[in-house]
Amino acid sequence: SSGINAEWSLRPGFEISMMVDGFKKLTVGPPRVGAAVGTSSGIKGTRLSLHGSIHQTSTGIQSLDLLLGNGLNLSSAILIKETDYGEYSPLFVKHFISEGLNHDHVTICVGDRPEHWINTLPSPVENTDTVDKPGQGDDVEDLKIAWRYRRRLQARFSHSYDLSRHRPSTDLKNCHMITETDDLCKVISDVRGIIDKNLGNVCRIVIDHVGLPITNDHDLPRFFFNLRNSIASKNVVIMAIYPPECLSDDLNTFIEDHFNYVVRVKSLSSDKNPVYKDYHGILELIKISPMNTFTIAMYDLSDRFFKVKRKKFIIEKMHLPPDLSETVSRSSSGNTAGCGSGASALDF
């Protein structure tokens, strides 16, 4: 009938109203200032994935983001299999929490150790490329055509961190600690309550050794099933740490099935091989699950090596030197190639 009106939102800033007598195109405006570059929503610290129409957020480690497909998808979970006895695996959690604080994300820490980790969170490093120079504030504010450049100055997806400097306690206003983990049903209820109160923001959940030691083989599987059900289709990302040696083979397999990303952290502190002298550990990529896409993205699942410098945490491929031996053996025969014969200073 003529009294029916319908509207569809194709993308932010672009709408078409359908009426009986035709279509009407509304004014197209620039995206909202404050959203990260490449995002179509106003949620801070997110952007659209290159492999599907789903938003991503950073882990806090830029090199790890590249390995996982440019970041963590919202409503996803990453499992860190801790085989280094807690030597380097807490660094992943600290960067994860600190990145959320930069974007005012809500952080939920479940376990005993995160309560101590938040006191030594790395401090972000200011990037001079995105800081306005003196006297240029008015020019940036008056930009009309180059509004994309203004958004790039005001928003960043990920940050670099200085391990030698710690965040002040005043930055922890959005951190929620859950240390009582004996009742797993109550833990799920508390987490759901915090998520429901912050639906317009991103919630970062840290799960550390919850449910250990194992007293019932059904408690931990039920916990992760209810936890993943709680974050479905919500702006939530989970980072969990578990030592695989404390779980049976069946439990390890079941837990991995509930995570979109699975990595193993191995320390090289006890390895005397000279090849590893410049590195502190190995990062093994076990699983990366595609989300919200029919295509399969090709990821490089080869092992990476990480090293901890005084101020920086680096993940990279290992590059072997040209020759590991101290002496090079070469033929001492007098046969030479090319014109002339006999020994010469140019022979090699």
C-alpha atoms as a PDB file:
ATOM      1  CA  SER A   1       0.000   0.000   0.000  1.00  0.00           C
ATOM      2  CA  SER A   2       0.980   3.639  -0.326  1.00  0.00           C
ATOM      3  CA  GLY A   3       1.369   4.008   3.420  1.00  0.00           C
ATOM      4  CA  ILE A   4       4.223   1.531   3.649  1.00  0.00           C
ATOM      5  CA  ASN A   5       7.724   2.942   4.102  1.00  0.00           C
ATOM      6  CA  ALA A   6      10.876   0.818   4.495  1.00  0.00           C
ATOM      7  CA  GLU A   7      14.494   1.749   5.041  1.00  0.00           C
ATOM      8  CA  TRP A   8      17.679  -0.258   4.676  1.00  0.00           C
ATOM      9  CA  SER A   9      21.075   0.790   6.013  1.00  0.00           C
ATOM     10  CA  LEU A  10      23.620  -0.308   3.415  1.00  0.00           C
ATOM     11  CA  ARG A  11      26.633   1.161   5.200  1.00  0.00           C
ATOM     12  CA  PRO A  12      27.224   4.010   7.687  1.00  0.00           C
ATOM     13  CA  GLY A  13      26.346   7.342   6.165  1.00  0.00           C
ATOM     14  CA  PHE A  14      24.491   5.816   3.187  1.00  0.00           C
ATOM     15  CA  GLU A  15      20.777   4.982   3.312  1.00  0.00           C
ATOM     16  CA  ILE A  16      18.082   4.462   0.707  1.00  0.00           C
ATOM     17  CA  SER A  17      14.410   5.010   1.537  1.00  0.00           C
ATOM     18  CA  MET A  18      11.987   2.976  -0.572  1.00  0.00           C
ATOM     19  CA  MET A  19       8.579   4.432  -1.217  1.00  0.00           C
ATOM     20  CA  VAL A  20       5.832   3.663  -3.672  1.00  0.00           C
ATOM     21  CA  ASP A  21       6.857   6.317  -6.169  1.00  0.00           C
ATOM     22  CA  GLY A  22      10.587   5.443  -6.258  1.00  0.00           C
ATOM     23  CA  PHE A  23      13.892   5.682  -4.390  1.00  0.00           C
ATOM     24  CA  LYS A  24      15.474   8.598  -2.627  1.00  0.00           C
ATOM     25  CA  LYS A  25      19.207   8.785  -1.983  1.00  0.00           C
ATOM     26  CA  LEU A  26      20.174  10.525   1.218  1.00  0.00           C
ATOM     27  CA  THR A  27      23.282  12.611   1.788  1.00  0.00           C
ATOM     28  CA  VAL A  28      26.496  10.638   2.172  1.00  0.00           C
ATOM     29  CA  GLY A  29      28.739  11.934   4.956  1.00  0.00           C
ATOM     30  CA  PRO A  30      32.182  10.984   6.234  1.00  0.00           C
ATOM     31  CA  PRO A  31      32.505   8.125   8.738  1.00  0.00           C
ATOM     32  CA  ARG A  32      32.387   8.964  12.414  1.00  0.00           C
ATOM     33  CA  VAL A  33      35.602  10.453  13.718  1.00  0.00           C
ATOM     34  CA  GLY A  34      37.131   8.350  16.462  1.00  0.00           C
ATOM     35  CA  ALA A  35      36.694   4.931  14.887  1.00  0.00           C
ATOM     36  CA  ALA A  36      39.829   3.094  13.884  1.00  0.00           C
ATOM     37  CA  VAL A  37      41.027   3.255  10.306  1.00  0.00           C
ATOM     38  CA  GLY A  38      39.172   0.728   8.183  1.00  0.00           C
ATOM     39  CA  THR A  39      36.189   0.303  10.504  1.00  0.00           C
ATOM     40  CA  SER A  40      32.544   1.101   9.893  1.00  0.00           C
ATOM     41  CA  SER A  41      31.530   1.225  13.555  1.00  0.00           C
ATOM     42  CA  GLY A  42      32.169   3.677  16.349  1.00  0.00           C
ATOM     43  CA  ILE A  43      33.768   1.068  18.653  1.00  0.00           C
ATOM     44  CA  LYS A  44      37.249   2.158  19.610  1.00  0.00           C
ATOM     45  CA  GLY A  45      40.163  -0.125  18.868  1.00  0.00           C
ATOM     46  CA  THR A  46      38.434  -2.170  16.136  1.00  0.00           C
ATOM     47  CA  ARG A  47      38.554  -2.400  12.367  1.00  0.00           C
ATOM     48  CA  LEU A  48      37.099  -4.575   9.634  1.00  0.00           C
ATOM     49  CA  SER A  49      38.879  -7.817   8.824  1.00  0.00           C
ATOM     50  CA  LEU A  50      40.434  -8.305   5.410  1.00  0.00           C
ATOM     51  CA  HIS A  51      39.116 -11.888   5.254  1.00  0.00           C
ATOM     52  CA  GLY A  52      35.448 -11.250   6.059  1.00  0.00           C
ATOM     53  CA  SER A  53      32.941  -8.658   7.229  1.00  0.00           C
ATOM     54  CA  ILE A  54      33.825  -9.004  10.888  1.00  0.00           C
ATOM     55  CA  HIS A  55      35.556  -6.609  13.231  1.00  0.00           C
ATOM     56  CA  GLN A  56      38.941  -7.226  14.768  1.00  0.00           C
ATOM     57  CA  THR A  57      40.917  -5.897  17.710  1.00  0.00           C
ATOM     58  CA  SER A  58      44.616  -6.076  18.479  1.00  0.00           C
ATOM     59  CA  THR A  59      46.391  -8.499  20.815  1.00  0.00           C
ATOM     60  CA  GLY A  60      48.785  -5.727  21.842  1.00  0.00           C
ATOM     61  CA  ILE A  61      51.682  -7.377  19.963  1.00  0.00           C
ATOM     62  CA  GLN A  62      51.833  -6.159  16.385  1.00  0.00           C
ATOM     63  CA  SER A  63      53.902  -9.091  15.109  1.00  0.00           C
ATOM     64  CA  LEU A  64      51.393 -11.529  16.650  1.00  0.00           C
ATOM     65  CA  ASP A  65      48.514  -9.678  14.984  1.00  0.00           C
ATOM     66  CA  LEU A  66      50.095 -10.306  11.583  1.00  0.00           C
ATOM     67  CA  LEU A  67      50.395 -14.025  12.299  1.00  0.00           C
ATOM     68  CA  LEU A  68      46.719 -14.283  13.313  1.00  0.00           C
ATOM     69  CA  GLY A  69      45.353 -12.457  10.278  1.00  0.00           C
ATOM     70  CA  ASN A  70      45.847  -8.818  11.374  1.00  0.00           C
ATOM     71  CA  GLY A  71      44.230  -9.225  14.799  1.00  0.00           C
ATOM     72  CA  LEU A  72      41.650 -11.102  16.873  1.00  0.00           C
ATOM     73  CA  ASN A  73      38.111 -11.330  15.534  1.00  0.00           C
ATOM     74  CA  LEU A  74      35.415 -10.172  17.913  1.00  0.00           C
ATOM     75  CA  SER A  75      33.544 -13.070  19.562  1.00  0.00           C
ATOM     76  CA  SER A  76      36.680 -15.207  19.234  1.00  0.00           C
ATOM     77  CA  ALA A  77      39.078 -16.787  21.727  1.00  0.00           C
ATOM     78  CA  ILE A  78      42.800 -17.518  21.721  1.00  0.00           C
ATOM     79  CA  LEU A  79      44.426 -20.270  23.797  1.00  0.00           C
ATOM     80  CA  ILE A  80      48.058 -20.001  24.898  1.00  0.00           C
ATOM     81  CA  LYS A  81      49.447 -23.407  25.811  1.00  0.00           C
ATOM     82  CA  GLU A  82      51.932 -22.639  28.541  1.00  0.00           C
ATOM     83  CA  THR A  83      54.906 -25.012  28.311  1.00  0.00           C
ATOM     84  CA  ASP A  84      57.473 -22.527  29.657  1.00  0.00           C
ATOM     85  CA  TYR A  85      56.300 -22.767  33.302  1.00  0.00           C
ATOM     86  CA  GLY A  86      55.119 -19.161  33.315  1.00  0.00           C
ATOM     87  CA  GLU A  87      58.433 -17.636  32.231  1.00  0.00           C
ATOM     88  CA  TYR A  88      57.337 -15.719  29.117  1.00  0.00           C
ATOM     89  CA  SER A  89      53.635 -16.527  28.583  1.00  0.00           C
ATOM     90  CA  PRO A  90      52.473 -13.751  30.992  1.00  0.00           C
ATOM     91  CA  LEU A  91      53.916 -11.207  28.554  1.00  0.00           C
ATOM     92  CA  PHE A  92      51.172 -12.057  26.068  1.00  0.00           C
ATOM     93  CA  VAL A  93      48.495 -11.363  28.676  1.00  0.00           C
ATOM     94  CA  LYS A  94      50.127  -8.127  29.817  1.00  0.00           C
ATOM     95  CA  HIS A  95      50.197  -6.752  26.272  1.00  0.00           C
ATOM     96  CA  PHE A  96      46.614  -7.934  25.748  1.00  0.00           C
ATOM     97  CA  ILE A  97      45.373  -6.074  28.834  1.00  0.00           C
ATOM     98  CA  SER A  98      47.447  -2.957  28.189  1.00  0.00           C
ATOM     99  CA  GLU A  99      46.138  -2.691  24.626  1.00  0.00           C
ATOM    100  CA  GLY A 100      42.587  -2.752  25.939  1.00  0.00           C
ATOM    101  CA  LEU A 101      43.339   0.030  28.414  1.00  0.00           C
ATOM    102  CA  ASN A 102      44.550   2.230  25.555  1.00  0.00           C
ATOM    103  CA  HIS A 103      41.120   1.969  23.903  1.00  0.00           C
ATOM    104  CA  ASP A 104      39.086   2.115  27.141  1.00  0.00           C
ATOM    105  CA  HIS A 105      38.019  -1.498  26.720  1.00  0.00           C
ATOM    106  CA  VAL A 106      36.558  -3.398  29.660  1.00  0.00           C
ATOM    107  CA  THR A 107      38.936  -6.073  30.985  1.00  0.00           C
ATOM    108  CA  ILE A 108      37.800  -9.096  33.006  1.00  0.00           C
ATOM    109  CA  CYS A 109      40.612 -11.077  34.654  1.00  0.00           C
ATOM    110  CA  VAL A 110      39.674 -14.517  36.014  1.00  0.00           C
ATOM    111  CA  GLY A 111      42.307 -16.250  38.137  1.00  0.00           C
ATOM    112  CA  ASP A 112      44.934 -15.523  40.769  1.00  0.00           C
ATOM    113  CA  ARG A 113      47.984 -14.503  38.737  1.00  0.00           C
ATOM    114  CA  PRO A 114      46.394 -11.646  36.702  1.00  0.00           C
ATOM    115  CA  GLU A 115      45.916  -9.746  39.965  1.00  0.00           C
ATOM    116  CA  HIS A 116      49.715  -9.476  40.184  1.00  0.00           C
ATOM    117  CA  TRP A 117      50.297  -9.031  36.459  1.00  0.00           C
ATOM    118  CA  ILE A 118      48.248  -5.830  36.217  1.00  0.00           C
ATOM    119  CA  ASN A 119      50.764  -4.105  38.489  1.00  0.00           C
ATOM    120  CA  THR A 120      53.509  -4.541  35.882  1.00  0.00           C
ATOM    121  CA  LEU A 121      51.668  -3.781  32.644  1.00  0.00           C
ATOM    122  CA  PRO A 122      53.954  -2.306  29.945  1.00  0.00           C
ATOM    123  CA  SER A 123      53.522   1.359  29.171  1.00  0.00           C
ATOM    124  CA  PRO A 124      52.632   2.420  25.604  1.00  0.00           C
ATOM    125  CA  VAL A 125      55.223   4.178  23.492  1.00  0.00           C
ATOM    126  CA  GLU A 126      54.159   7.446  21.924  1.00  0.00           C
ATOM    127  CA  ASN A 127      54.383   7.409  18.141  1.00  0.00           C
ATOM    128  CA  THR A 128      55.639  10.754  16.908  1.00  0.00           C
ATOM    129  CA  ASP A 129      54.106  10.124  13.487  1.00  0.00           C
ATOM    130  CA  THR A 130      50.579  10.437  14.867  1.00  0.00           C
ATOM    131  CA  VAL A 131      51.170  13.336  17.260  1.00  0.00           C
ATOM    132  CA  ASP A 132      50.236  16.765  15.994  1.00  0.00           C
ATOM    133  CA  LYS A 133      53.109  19.212  15.724  1.00  0.00           C
ATOM    134  CA  PRO A 134      52.862  22.586  17.491  1.00  0.00           C
ATOM    135  CA  GLY A 135      50.831  25.072  15.564  1.00  0.00           C
ATOM    136  CA  GLN A 136      49.092  22.461  13.396  1.00  0.00           C
ATOM    137  CA  GLY A 137      46.092  21.738  15.612  1.00  0.00           C
ATOM    138  CA  ASP A 138      43.889  24.331  13.911  1.00  0.00           C
ATOM    139  CA  ASP A 139      44.824  23.097  10.443  1.00  0.00           C
ATOM    140  CA  VAL A 140      43.924  19.503  11.282  1.00  0.00           C
ATOM    141  CA  GLU A 141      40.614  20.570  12.818  1.00  0.00           C
ATOM    142  CA  ASP A 142      39.697  22.576   9.710  1.00  0.00           C
ATOM    143  CA  LEU A 143      40.296  19.735   7.271  1.00  0.00           C
ATOM    144  CA  LYS A 144      37.256  19.328   5.048  1.00  0.00           C
ATOM    145  CA  ILE A 145      38.370  17.183   2.117  1.00  0.00           C
ATOM    146  CA  ALA A 146      41.110  15.143   3.834  1.00  0.00           C
ATOM    147  CA  TRP A 147      38.888  13.808   6.616  1.00  0.00           C
ATOM    148  CA  ARG A 148      40.437  10.360   6.176  1.00  0.00           C
ATOM    149  CA  TYR A 149      43.803  11.813   7.152  1.00  0.00           C
ATOM    150  CA  ARG A 150      42.266  13.376  10.255  1.00  0.00           C
ATOM    151  CA  ARG A 151      40.853   9.995  11.311  1.00  0.00           C
ATOM    152  CA  ARG A 152      44.295   8.445  10.869  1.00  0.00           C
ATOM    153  CA  LEU A 153      45.769  11.010  13.245  1.00  0.00           C
ATOM    154  CA  GLN A 154      43.123  10.527  15.912  1.00  0.00           C
ATOM    155  CA  ALA A 155      42.806   6.727  15.979  1.00  0.00           C
ATOM    156  CA  ARG A 156      45.227   3.818  16.050  1.00  0.00           C
ATOM    157  CA  PHE A 157      44.528   0.109  15.916  1.00  0.00           C
ATOM    158  CA  SER A 158      47.571  -1.176  17.829  1.00  0.00           C
ATOM    159  CA  HIS A 159      50.411   0.262  19.877  1.00  0.00           C
ATOM    160  CA  SER A 160      54.022  -0.407  20.780  1.00  0.00           C
ATOM    161  CA  TYR A 161      55.043  -0.902  24.404  1.00  0.00           C
ATOM    162  CA  ASP A 162      58.032  -0.286  26.625  1.00  0.00           C
ATOM    163  CA  LEU A 163      58.653  -3.215  28.984  1.00  0.00           C
ATOM    164  CA  SER A 164      60.923  -1.114  31.178  1.00  0.00           C
ATOM    165  CA  ARG A 165      58.101   1.267  32.121  1.00  0.00           C
ATOM    166  CA  HIS A 166      54.896   0.268  33.914  1.00  0.00           C
ATOM    167  CA  ARG A 167      51.430   1.725  33.715  1.00  0.00           C
ATOM    168  CA  PRO A 168      50.183   3.765  36.681  1.00  0.00           C
ATOM    169  CA  SER A 169      47.430   2.283  38.819  1.00  0.00           C
ATOM    170  CA  THR A 170      45.080   5.076  37.720  1.00  0.00           C
ATOM    171  CA  ASP A 171      44.776   3.387  34.288  1.00  0.00           C
ATOM    172  CA  LEU A 172      43.108   0.283  35.752  1.00  0.00           C
ATOM    173  CA  LYS A 173      39.638   1.756  36.214  1.00  0.00           C
ATOM    174  CA  ASN A 174      38.054  -0.620  33.646  1.00  0.00           C
ATOM    175  CA  CYS A 175      39.664  -3.784  35.065  1.00  0.00           C
ATOM    176  CA  HIS A 176      37.452  -6.301  36.870  1.00  0.00           C
ATOM    177  CA  MET A 177      39.125  -9.026  38.942  1.00  0.00           C
ATOM    178  CA  ILE A 178      37.494 -12.407  39.642  1.00  0.00           C
ATOM    179  CA  THR A 179      39.770 -14.390  41.940  1.00  0.00           C
ATOM    180  CA  GLU A 180      37.247 -16.810  43.450  1.00  0.00           C
ATOM    181  CA  THR A 181      37.088 -19.579  40.848  1.00  0.00           C
ATOM    182  CA  ASP A 182      35.946 -22.567  42.901  1.00  0.00           C
ATOM    183  CA  ASP A 183      32.366 -22.216  41.668  1.00  0.00           C
ATOM    184  CA  LEU A 184      32.631 -22.140  37.859  1.00  0.00           C
ATOM    185  CA  CYS A 185      28.893 -21.466  37.452  1.00  0.00           C
ATOM    186  CA  LYS A 186      29.253 -18.290  39.521  1.00  0.00           C
ATOM    187  CA  VAL A 187      32.251 -17.251  37.409  1.00  0.00           C
ATOM    188  CA  ILE A 188      30.130 -17.526  34.252  1.00  0.00           C
ATOM    189  CA  SER A 189      27.338 -15.540  35.905  1.00  0.00           C
ATOM    190  CA  ASP A 190      29.718 -12.755  36.971  1.00  0.00           C
ATOM    191  CA  VAL A 191      31.287 -12.555  33.512  1.00  0.00           C
ATOM    192  CA  ARG A 192      27.868 -12.371  31.830  1.00  0.00           C
ATOM    193  CA  GLY A 193      26.804  -9.589  34.163  1.00  0.00           C
ATOM    194  CA  ILE A 194      29.831  -7.456  33.283  1.00  0.00           C
ATOM    195  CA  ILE A 195      29.404  -8.094  29.541  1.00  0.00           C
ATOM    196  CA  ASP A 196      25.706  -7.177  29.601  1.00  0.00           C
ATOM    197  CA  LYS A 197      26.517  -3.861  31.284  1.00  0.00           C
ATOM    198  CA  ASN A 198      29.050  -2.946  28.575  1.00  0.00           C
ATOM    199  CA  LEU A 199      27.402  -4.061  25.332  1.00  0.00           C
ATOM    200  CA  GLY A 200      28.518  -0.901  23.521  1.00  0.00           C
ATOM    201  CA  ASN A 201      32.181  -1.512  24.313  1.00  0.00           C
ATOM    202  CA  VAL A 202      34.723  -4.281  23.743  1.00  0.00           C
ATOM    203  CA  CYS A 203      35.260  -6.691  26.642  1.00  0.00           C
ATOM    204  CA  ARG A 204      38.592  -8.483  26.985  1.00  0.00           C
ATOM    205  CA  ILE A 205      38.497 -11.621  29.120  1.00  0.00           C
ATOM    206  CA  VAL A 206      41.628 -13.231  30.579  1.00  0.00           C
ATOM    207  CA  ILE A 207      41.279 -16.825  31.804  1.00  0.00           C
ATOM    208  CA  ASP A 208      44.257 -18.129  33.767  1.00  0.00           C
ATOM    209  CA  HIS A 209      44.346 -21.753  35.011  1.00  0.00           C
ATOM    210  CA  VAL A 210      40.644 -21.681  35.896  1.00  0.00           C
ATOM    211  CA  GLY A 211      39.383 -25.115  36.936  1.00  0.00           C
ATOM    212  CA  LEU A 212      42.808 -26.466  37.881  1.00  0.00           C
ATOM    213  CA  PRO A 213      43.547 -28.862  39.433  1.00  0.00           C
ATOM    214  CA  ILE A 214      41.012 -31.077  37.674  1.00  0.00           C
ATOM    215  CA  THR A 215      38.551 -32.684  40.088  1.00  0.00           C
ATOM    216  CA  ASN A 216      35.836 -33.562  37.566  1.00  0.00           C
ATOM    217  CA  ASP A 217      36.455 -34.196  33.874  1.00  0.00           C
ATOM    218  CA  HIS A 218      33.097 -32.618  32.986  1.00  0.00           C
ATOM    219  CA  ASP A 219      33.503 -29.284  34.824  1.00  0.00           C
ATOM    220  CA  LEU A 220      36.086 -27.681  32.542  1.00  0.00           C
ATOM    221  CA  PRO A 221      34.388 -28.668  29.246  1.00  0.00           C
ATOM    222  CA  ARG A 222      31.074 -27.349  30.570  1.00  0.00           C
ATOM    223  CA  PHE A 223      32.762 -24.102  31.664  1.00  0.00           C
ATOM    224  CA  PHE A 224      34.217 -23.371  28.229  1.00  0.00           C
ATOM    225  CA  PHE A 225      30.993 -24.328  26.469  1.00  0.00           C
ATOM    226  CA  ASN A 226      28.999 -21.845  28.585  1.00  0.00           C
ATOM    227  CA  LEU A 227      31.714 -19.196  28.247  1.00  0.00           C
ATOM    228  CA  ARG A 228      31.743 -19.381  24.451  1.00  0.00           C
ATOM    229  CA  ASN A 229      27.950 -19.314  24.440  1.00  0.00           C
ATOM    230  CA  SER A 230      28.060 -16.125  26.529  1.00  0.00           C
ATOM    231  CA  ILE A 231      30.250 -14.224  24.040  1.00  0.00           C
ATOM    232  CA  ALA A 232      28.514 -15.355  20.848  1.00  0.00           C
ATOM    233  CA  SER A 233      27.777 -12.384  18.551  1.00  0.00           C
ATOM    234  CA  LYS A 234      29.127  -9.920  21.134  1.00  0.00           C
ATOM    235  CA  ASN A 235      32.078  -7.544  21.218  1.00  0.00           C
ATOM    236  CA  VAL A 236      34.174  -9.871  23.349  1.00  0.00           C
ATOM    237  CA  VAL A 237      37.598 -11.495  22.929  1.00  0.00           C
ATOM    238  CA  ILE A 238      39.114 -14.117  25.227  1.00  0.00           C
ATOM    239  CA  MET A 239      42.733 -14.967  25.984  1.00  0.00           C
ATOM    240  CA  ALA A 240      43.234 -18.116  28.063  1.00  0.00           C
ATOM    241  CA  ILE A 241      46.416 -19.693  29.450  1.00  0.00           C
ATOM    242  CA  TYR A 242      46.605 -23.387  30.315  1.00  0.00           C
ATOM    243  CA  PRO A 243      49.536 -25.782  30.840  1.00  0.00           C
ATOM    244  CA  PRO A 244      48.871 -28.818  28.609  1.00  0.00           C
ATOM    245  CA  GLU A 245      50.743 -31.186  30.919  1.00  0.00           C
ATOM    246  CA  CYS A 246      48.079 -30.638  33.618  1.00  0.00           C
ATOM    247  CA  LEU A 247      45.310 -31.886  31.316  1.00  0.00           C
ATOM    248  CA  SER A 248      44.641 -35.255  29.783  1.00  0.00           C
ATOM    249  CA  ASP A 249      44.881 -35.757  26.040  1.00  0.00           C
ATOM    250  CA  ASP A 250      41.093 -35.805  25.693  1.00  0.00           C
ATOM    251  CA  LEU A 251      40.697 -32.568  27.644  1.00  0.00           C
ATOM    252  CA  ASN A 252      43.438 -30.866  25.628  1.00  0.00           C
ATOM    253  CA  THR A 253      41.683 -31.820  22.403  1.00  0.00           C
ATOM    254  CA  PHE A 254      38.285 -30.703  23.673  1.00  0.00           C
ATOM    255  CA  ILE A 255      39.579 -27.347  24.911  1.00  0.00           C
ATOM    256  CA  GLU A 256      41.341 -26.640  21.604  1.00  0.00           C
ATOM    257  CA  ASP A 257      38.051 -27.224  19.793  1.00  0.00           C
ATOM    258  CA  HIS A 258      36.513 -24.317  21.740  1.00  0.00           C
ATOM    259  CA  PHE A 259      39.162 -21.812  20.644  1.00  0.00           C
ATOM    260  CA  ASN A 260      39.628 -20.066  17.314  1.00  0.00           C
ATOM    261  CA  TYR A 261      43.364 -19.572  17.787  1.00  0.00           C
ATOM    262  CA  VAL A 262      45.773 -21.930  19.554  1.00  0.00           C
ATOM    263  CA  VAL A 263      49.483 -21.186  20.105  1.00  0.00           C
ATOM    264  CA  ARG A 264      52.141 -22.940  22.166  1.00  0.00           C
ATOM    265  CA  VAL A 265      54.864 -21.032  24.025  1.00  0.00           C
ATOM    266  CA  LYS A 266      58.115 -22.903  24.669  1.00  0.00           C
ATOM    267  CA  SER A 267      61.117 -21.530  26.545  1.00  0.00           C
ATOM    268  CA  LEU A 268      64.671 -21.984  25.232  1.00  0.00           C
ATOM    269  CA  SER A 269      66.393 -21.066  28.488  1.00  0.00           C
ATOM    270  CA  SER A 270      67.602 -24.646  29.015  1.00  0.00           C
ATOM    271  CA  ASP A 271      68.552 -25.242  25.371  1.00  0.00           C
ATOM    272  CA  LYS A 272      72.299 -24.832  24.780  1.00  0.00           C
ATOM    273  CA  ASN A 273      72.127 -25.029  21.002  1.00  0.00           C
ATOM    274  CA  PRO A 274      74.128 -22.054  19.605  1.00  0.00           C
ATOM    275  CA  VAL A 275      71.503 -21.607  16.887  1.00  0.00           C
ATOM    276  CA  TYR A 276      69.041 -20.317  19.528  1.00  0.00           C
ATOM    277  CA  LYS A 277      71.457 -18.057  21.385  1.00  0.00           C
ATOM    278  CA  ASP A 278      69.729 -14.856  20.194  1.00  0.00           C
ATOM    279  CA  TYR A 279      66.208 -16.033  21.113  1.00  0.00           C
ATOM    280  CA  HIS A 280      64.361 -16.749  24.346  1.00  0.00           C
ATOM    281  CA  GLY A 281      61.574 -19.029  23.138  1.00  0.00           C
ATOM    282  CA  ILE A 282      59.544 -20.604  20.328  1.00  0.00           C
ATOM    283  CA  LEU A 283      55.985 -19.657  19.383  1.00  0.00           C
ATOM    284  CA  GLU A 284      54.220 -22.543  17.652  1.00  0.00           C
ATOM    285  CA  LEU A 285      51.003 -21.783  15.744  1.00  0.00           C
ATOM    286  CA  ILE A 286      48.702 -24.779  16.114  1.00  0.00           C
ATOM    287  CA  LYS A 287      45.313 -23.557  14.949  1.00  0.00           C
ATOM    288  CA  ILE A 288      43.741 -20.551  13.200  1.00  0.00           C
ATOM    289  CA  SER A 289      40.035 -20.897  12.388  1.00  0.00           C
ATOM    290  CA  PRO A 290      38.414 -18.670   9.728  1.00  0.00           C
ATOM    291  CA  MET A 291      35.276 -16.843  10.859  1.00  0.00           C
ATOM    292  CA  ASN A 292      32.337 -15.379   8.935  1.00  0.00           C
ATOM    293  CA  THR A 293      33.736 -16.331   5.539  1.00  0.00           C
ATOM    294  CA  PHE A 294      33.366 -19.100   2.947  1.00  0.00           C
ATOM    295  CA  THR A 295      36.942 -18.732   1.750  1.00  0.00           C
ATOM    296  CA  ILE A 296      39.955 -20.252   3.473  1.00  0.00           C
ATOM    297  CA  ALA A 297      42.716 -17.765   4.156  1.00  0.00           C
ATOM    298  CA  MET A 298      46.232 -19.145   3.724  1.00  0.00           C
ATOM    299  CA  TYR A 299      48.207 -18.533   6.911  1.00  0.00           C
ATOM    300  CA  ASP A 300      51.875 -19.170   7.492  1.00  0.00           C
ATOM    301  CA  LEU A 301      51.830 -21.735  10.322  1.00  0.00           C
ATOM    302  CA  SER A 302      55.589 -22.120  10.545  1.00  0.00           C
ATOM    303  CA  ASP A 303      57.123 -21.701  13.990  1.00  0.00           C
ATOM    304  CA  ARG A 304      58.236 -18.271  15.135  1.00  0.00           C
ATOM    305  CA  PHE A 305      60.894 -17.295  17.637  1.00  0.00           C
ATOM    306  CA  PHE A 306      60.592 -14.532  20.194  1.00  0.00           C
ATOM    307  CA  LYS A 307      63.091 -12.556  22.197  1.00  0.00           C
ATOM    308  CA  VAL A 308      62.636 -10.182  25.085  1.00  0.00           C
ATOM    309  CA  LYS A 309      64.751  -7.079  24.993  1.00  0.00           C
ATOM    310  CA  ARG A 310      64.977  -4.511  27.743  1.00  0.00           C
ATOM    311  CA  LYS A 311      62.154  -2.473  26.266  1.00  0.00           C
ATOM    312  CA  LYS A 312      60.532  -4.618  23.599  1.00  0.00           C
ATOM    313  CA  PHE A 313      58.960  -8.027  22.967  1.00  0.00           C
ATOM    314  CA  ILE A 314      59.704  -9.263  19.436  1.00  0.00           C
ATOM    315  CA  ILE A 315      58.290 -12.216  17.467  1.00  0.00           C
ATOM    316  CA  GLU A 316      60.014 -13.073  14.197  1.00  0.00           C
ATOM    317  CA  LYS A 317      61.243 -15.839  11.948  1.00  0.00           C
ATOM    318  CA  MET A 318      64.670 -17.193  12.771  1.00  0.00           C
ATOM    319  CA  HIS A 319      67.349 -16.267  10.256  1.00  0.00           C
ATOM    320  CA  LEU A 320      70.405 -18.503  10.314  1.00  0.00           C
ATOM    321  CA  PRO A 321      73.838 -16.957   9.770  1.00  0.00           C
ATOM    322  CA  PRO A 322      75.688 -17.901   6.565  1.00  0.00           C
ATOM    323  CA  ASP A 323      78.031 -20.317   8.358  1.00  0.00           C
ATOM    324  CA  LEU A 324      78.004 -21.547  11.957  1.00  0.00           C
ATOM    325  CA  SER A 325      81.494 -23.077  11.964  1.00  0.00           C
ATOM    326  CA  GLU A 326      84.444 -21.078  13.271  1.00  0.00           C
ATOM    327  CA  THR A 327      86.804 -22.254  10.502  1.00  0.00           C
ATOM    328  CA  VAL A 328      86.064 -22.720   6.832  1.00  0.00           C
ATOM    329  CA  SER A 329      87.708 -25.649   5.060  1.00  0.00           C
ATOM    330  CA  ARG A 330      88.671 -25.053   1.476  1.00  0.00           C
ATOM    331  CA  SER A 331      90.607 -27.081  -1.050  1.00  0.00           C
ATOM    332  CA  SER A 332      94.326 -26.389  -0.933  1.00  0.00           C
ATOM    333  CA  SER A 333      95.032 -27.931  -4.329  1.00  0.00           C
ATOM    334  CA  GLY A 334      96.875 -25.924  -6.918  1.00  0.00           C
ATOM    335  CA  ASN A 335      94.156 -26.391  -9.524  1.00  0.00           C
ATOM    336  CA  THR A 336      92.638 -23.072 -10.478  1.00  0.00           C
ATOM    337  CA  ALA A 337      89.784 -22.180 -12.746  1.00  0.00           C
ATOM    338  CA  GLY A 338      90.149 -19.769 -15.591  1.00  0.00           C
ATOM    339  CA  CYS A 339      93.275 -18.639 -17.446  1.00  0.00           C
ATOM    340  CA  GLY A 340      96.716 -19.161 -15.926  1.00  0.00           C
ATOM    341  CA  SER A 341      98.026 -21.816 -13.590  1.00  0.00           C
ATOM    342  CA  GLY A 342      99.721 -22.108 -10.224  1.00  0.00           C
ATOM    343  CA  ALA A 343      98.953 -20.412  -6.942  1.00  0.00           C
ATOM    344  CA  SER A 344      97.866 -16.806  -7.009  1.00  0.00           C
ATOM    345  CA  ALA A 345      96.743 -14.209  -4.486  1.00  0.00           C
ATOM    346  CA  LEU A 346      93.432 -14.075  -6.366  1.00  0.00           C
ATOM    347  CA  ASP A 347      92.687 -17.787  -5.976  1.00  0.00           C
ATOM    348  CA  PHE A 348      89.608 -18.636  -3.871  1.00  0.00           C
END
